[in-house]
Amino acid sequence: MKNKILTMLIVLFLAMGYAPLRNAGGSGEATPVITQSFASKEASPGDTWKVYLKASDPDGEMKNIYAVVDQPGMGQYPLSIIKVTRENQKELSGYIYLSTSTPESPLNNVNLTLTVQVQDRSGNFSQPAVFPLTLNTRSFQEAPPQGVFKDQALGPVIVKLMKILPVGQ
């Protein structure tokens, strides 16, 4: 009886395909690609940081933009998922944005790293794009190269940034 169940499970497993192998790009399915990106490496605390992306998917199945913020001393913030609108599922150009304001005092001299990937409806992910940011009161954001990206908001990176307090406070 155990052998029959085990055999049925193996047959079912093989018939459905092994999902991680399908997502590894070996199936011939198109994978989304971030073709160009730009983000200022510096901003002033309280600014809204814009991260510009151009991405494409030959199948026209881009579904989500995944964004993770990492802050030394705080670790990774929760994953932020931005839905790709229907008109952008084949090609997108625009920016995602992160508010750097905090309820506490400004995040001066703080470093952040944003990692972005695009996912399609088949579960395939683009290669990650990584963007460092230093928040400093004397800094300002660089503008993106002219004529490369649409000035279109794709959605917010929803995280609540925290200031690291010294021990004992």
Protein backbone atom coordinates (compact mmCIF):
# COMPACT_ATOMS: atom_id res chain seq x y z
CA MET A 1 0.00 0.00 0.00
CA LYS A 2 2.82 2.41 0.90
CA ASN A 3 4.57 1.65 -2.38
CA LYS A 4 1.41 2.43 -4.39
CA ILE A 5 0.97 5.78 -2.63
CA LEU A 6 4.63 6.62 -3.09
CA THR A 7 4.46 5.68 -6.78
CA MET A 8 1.32 7.79 -7.28
CA LEU A 9 2.98 10.77 -5.60
CA ILE A 10 6.07 10.45 -7.79
CA VAL A 11 3.95 10.21 -10.95
CA LEU A 12 1.90 13.25 -9.87
CA PHE A 13 5.08 15.15 -9.02
CA LEU A 14 6.57 14.40 -12.46
CA ALA A 15 3.32 15.16 -14.29
CA MET A 16 2.99 18.59 -12.67
CA GLY A 17 6.65 19.44 -13.16
CA TYR A 18 9.07 20.57 -10.54
CA ALA A 19 8.32 24.27 -9.98
CA PRO A 20 11.84 25.49 -9.08
CA LEU A 21 13.20 24.02 -12.32
CA ARG A 22 10.48 25.76 -14.33
CA ASN A 23 11.32 29.10 -12.71
CA ALA A 24 15.03 28.66 -13.36
CA GLY A 25 14.54 29.66 -16.98
CA GLY A 26 15.01 26.19 -18.45
CA SER A 27 11.43 25.87 -19.69
CA GLY A 28 11.71 28.34 -22.56
CA GLU A 29 9.32 30.79 -20.88
CA ALA A 30 10.32 34.43 -21.19
CA THR A 31 11.60 36.05 -18.02
CA PRO A 32 11.10 39.73 -17.20
CA VAL A 33 14.20 41.88 -17.63
CA ILE A 34 15.07 45.21 -16.02
CA THR A 35 16.66 46.82 -19.07
CA GLN A 36 17.66 50.17 -17.50
CA SER A 37 17.57 51.74 -14.07
CA PHE A 38 18.64 54.86 -12.29
CA ALA A 39 18.51 56.21 -8.74
CA SER A 40 20.34 59.05 -7.07
CA LYS A 41 22.89 57.71 -4.58
CA GLU A 42 22.20 60.62 -2.20
CA ALA A 43 19.14 62.41 -0.90
CA SER A 44 18.21 64.72 1.91
CA PRO A 45 16.30 63.22 4.88
CA GLY A 46 12.57 63.67 4.38
CA ASP A 47 12.81 63.55 0.56
CA THR A 48 10.80 61.14 -1.53
CA TRP A 49 13.47 59.02 -3.24
CA LYS A 50 12.63 58.07 -6.83
CA VAL A 51 14.05 54.90 -8.37
CA TYR A 52 13.59 54.79 -12.15
CA LEU A 53 13.06 51.51 -13.98
CA LYS A 54 12.59 50.28 -17.51
CA ALA A 55 11.59 46.63 -17.77
CA SER A 56 10.14 44.33 -20.38
CA ASP A 57 8.62 40.88 -20.70
CA PRO A 58 8.13 39.45 -24.21
CA ASP A 59 5.08 37.51 -22.97
CA GLY A 60 3.48 40.69 -21.59
CA GLU A 61 2.99 39.05 -18.19
CA MET A 62 4.74 41.38 -15.73
CA LYS A 63 2.69 41.24 -12.55
CA ASN A 64 4.60 42.70 -9.58
CA ILE A 65 7.62 44.76 -8.64
CA TYR A 66 9.21 43.40 -5.46
CA ALA A 67 11.21 45.84 -3.34
CA VAL A 68 13.23 45.20 -0.18
CA VAL A 69 14.93 47.92 1.86
CA ASP A 70 17.94 47.03 4.00
CA GLN A 71 19.29 49.37 6.67
CA PRO A 72 22.50 48.56 8.54
CA GLY A 73 21.69 48.10 12.22
CA MET A 74 18.00 47.51 11.45
CA GLY A 75 18.19 44.69 8.93
CA GLN A 76 15.65 44.15 6.16
CA TYR A 77 12.29 45.83 6.26
CA PRO A 78 9.23 43.82 5.18
CA LEU A 79 8.86 43.10 1.48
CA SER A 80 6.93 45.73 -0.47
CA ILE A 81 4.97 44.53 -3.50
CA ILE A 82 3.91 46.98 -6.21
CA LYS A 83 1.30 45.76 -8.71
CA VAL A 84 2.11 46.36 -12.38
CA THR A 85 -0.85 47.90 -14.19
CA ARG A 86 -2.34 46.20 -17.24
CA GLU A 87 -0.91 48.76 -19.67
CA ASN A 88 2.63 48.19 -18.30
CA GLN A 89 2.68 44.37 -18.36
CA LYS A 90 4.72 44.10 -21.57
CA GLU A 91 6.95 47.16 -21.09
CA LEU A 92 7.17 49.58 -18.21
CA SER A 93 9.00 52.82 -17.69
CA GLY A 94 8.68 55.08 -14.69
CA TYR A 95 9.67 55.25 -11.06
CA ILE A 96 8.91 53.61 -7.76
CA TYR A 97 9.32 55.84 -4.74
CA LEU A 98 10.26 55.66 -1.08
CA SER A 99 9.44 58.27 1.53
CA THR A 100 12.46 58.93 3.73
CA SER A 101 10.56 60.93 6.34
CA THR A 102 10.19 59.46 9.82
CA PRO A 103 8.00 60.32 12.80
CA GLU A 104 11.18 60.66 14.87
CA SER A 105 14.03 63.01 14.07
CA PRO A 106 15.45 62.96 10.52
CA LEU A 107 17.51 60.03 9.33
CA ASN A 108 20.76 61.95 8.87
CA ASN A 109 23.91 60.05 7.84
CA VAL A 110 21.95 56.84 7.23
CA ASN A 111 22.68 54.33 4.48
CA LEU A 112 19.97 52.24 2.85
CA THR A 113 19.99 49.65 0.10
CA LEU A 114 16.96 48.96 -2.08
CA THR A 115 16.80 45.70 -4.03
CA VAL A 116 14.20 45.45 -6.81
CA GLN A 117 12.98 42.52 -8.92
CA VAL A 118 10.12 42.21 -11.41
CA GLN A 119 7.92 39.09 -11.35
CA ASP A 120 5.69 37.75 -14.12
CA ARG A 121 2.47 35.75 -13.83
CA SER A 122 4.39 32.49 -14.36
CA GLY A 123 6.43 33.18 -11.23
CA ASN A 124 9.66 34.07 -13.07
CA PHE A 125 11.80 36.87 -11.61
CA SER A 126 14.13 39.34 -13.26
CA GLN A 127 17.68 39.66 -12.09
CA PRO A 128 17.81 41.95 -9.05
CA ALA A 129 18.71 45.61 -9.39
CA VAL A 130 20.40 47.09 -6.31
CA PHE A 131 20.37 50.77 -5.39
CA PRO A 132 22.40 52.28 -2.52
CA LEU A 133 21.24 55.50 -0.85
CA THR A 134 22.90 57.81 1.66
CA LEU A 135 20.66 60.26 3.50
CA ASN A 136 22.47 63.45 4.45
CA THR A 137 21.12 66.95 5.13
CA ARG A 138 23.67 68.46 2.69
CA SER A 139 22.73 66.12 -0.16
CA PHE A 140 20.25 66.43 -3.00
CA GLN A 141 18.85 63.96 -5.50
CA GLU A 142 20.30 63.74 -8.97
CA ALA A 143 17.80 63.88 -11.82
CA PRO A 144 17.54 60.86 -14.11
CA PRO A 145 19.05 61.07 -17.59
CA GLN A 146 16.75 63.10 -19.84
CA GLY A 147 14.55 61.24 -22.29
CA VAL A 148 15.30 57.75 -20.93
CA PHE A 149 12.47 57.12 -18.45
CA LYS A 150 8.83 58.18 -18.37
CA ASP A 151 7.95 60.56 -15.54
CA GLN A 152 5.28 58.11 -14.38
CA ALA A 153 4.80 56.84 -10.83
CA LEU A 154 4.64 53.03 -10.80
CA GLY A 155 3.91 52.84 -7.09
CA PRO A 156 5.29 53.32 -3.58
CA VAL A 157 7.75 51.20 -1.65
CA ILE A 158 5.72 50.93 1.52
CA VAL A 159 8.01 50.75 4.54
CA LYS A 160 8.22 52.84 7.66
CA LEU A 161 11.88 53.75 8.09
CA MET A 162 13.18 53.82 11.64
CA LYS A 163 16.02 55.74 13.24
CA ILE A 164 18.46 53.61 15.17
CA LEU A 165 18.55 54.87 18.74
CA PRO A 166 21.68 54.57 20.87
CA VAL A 167 21.61 51.78 23.47
CA GLY A 168 19.79 52.80 26.65
CA GLN A 169 17.30 55.17 25.01
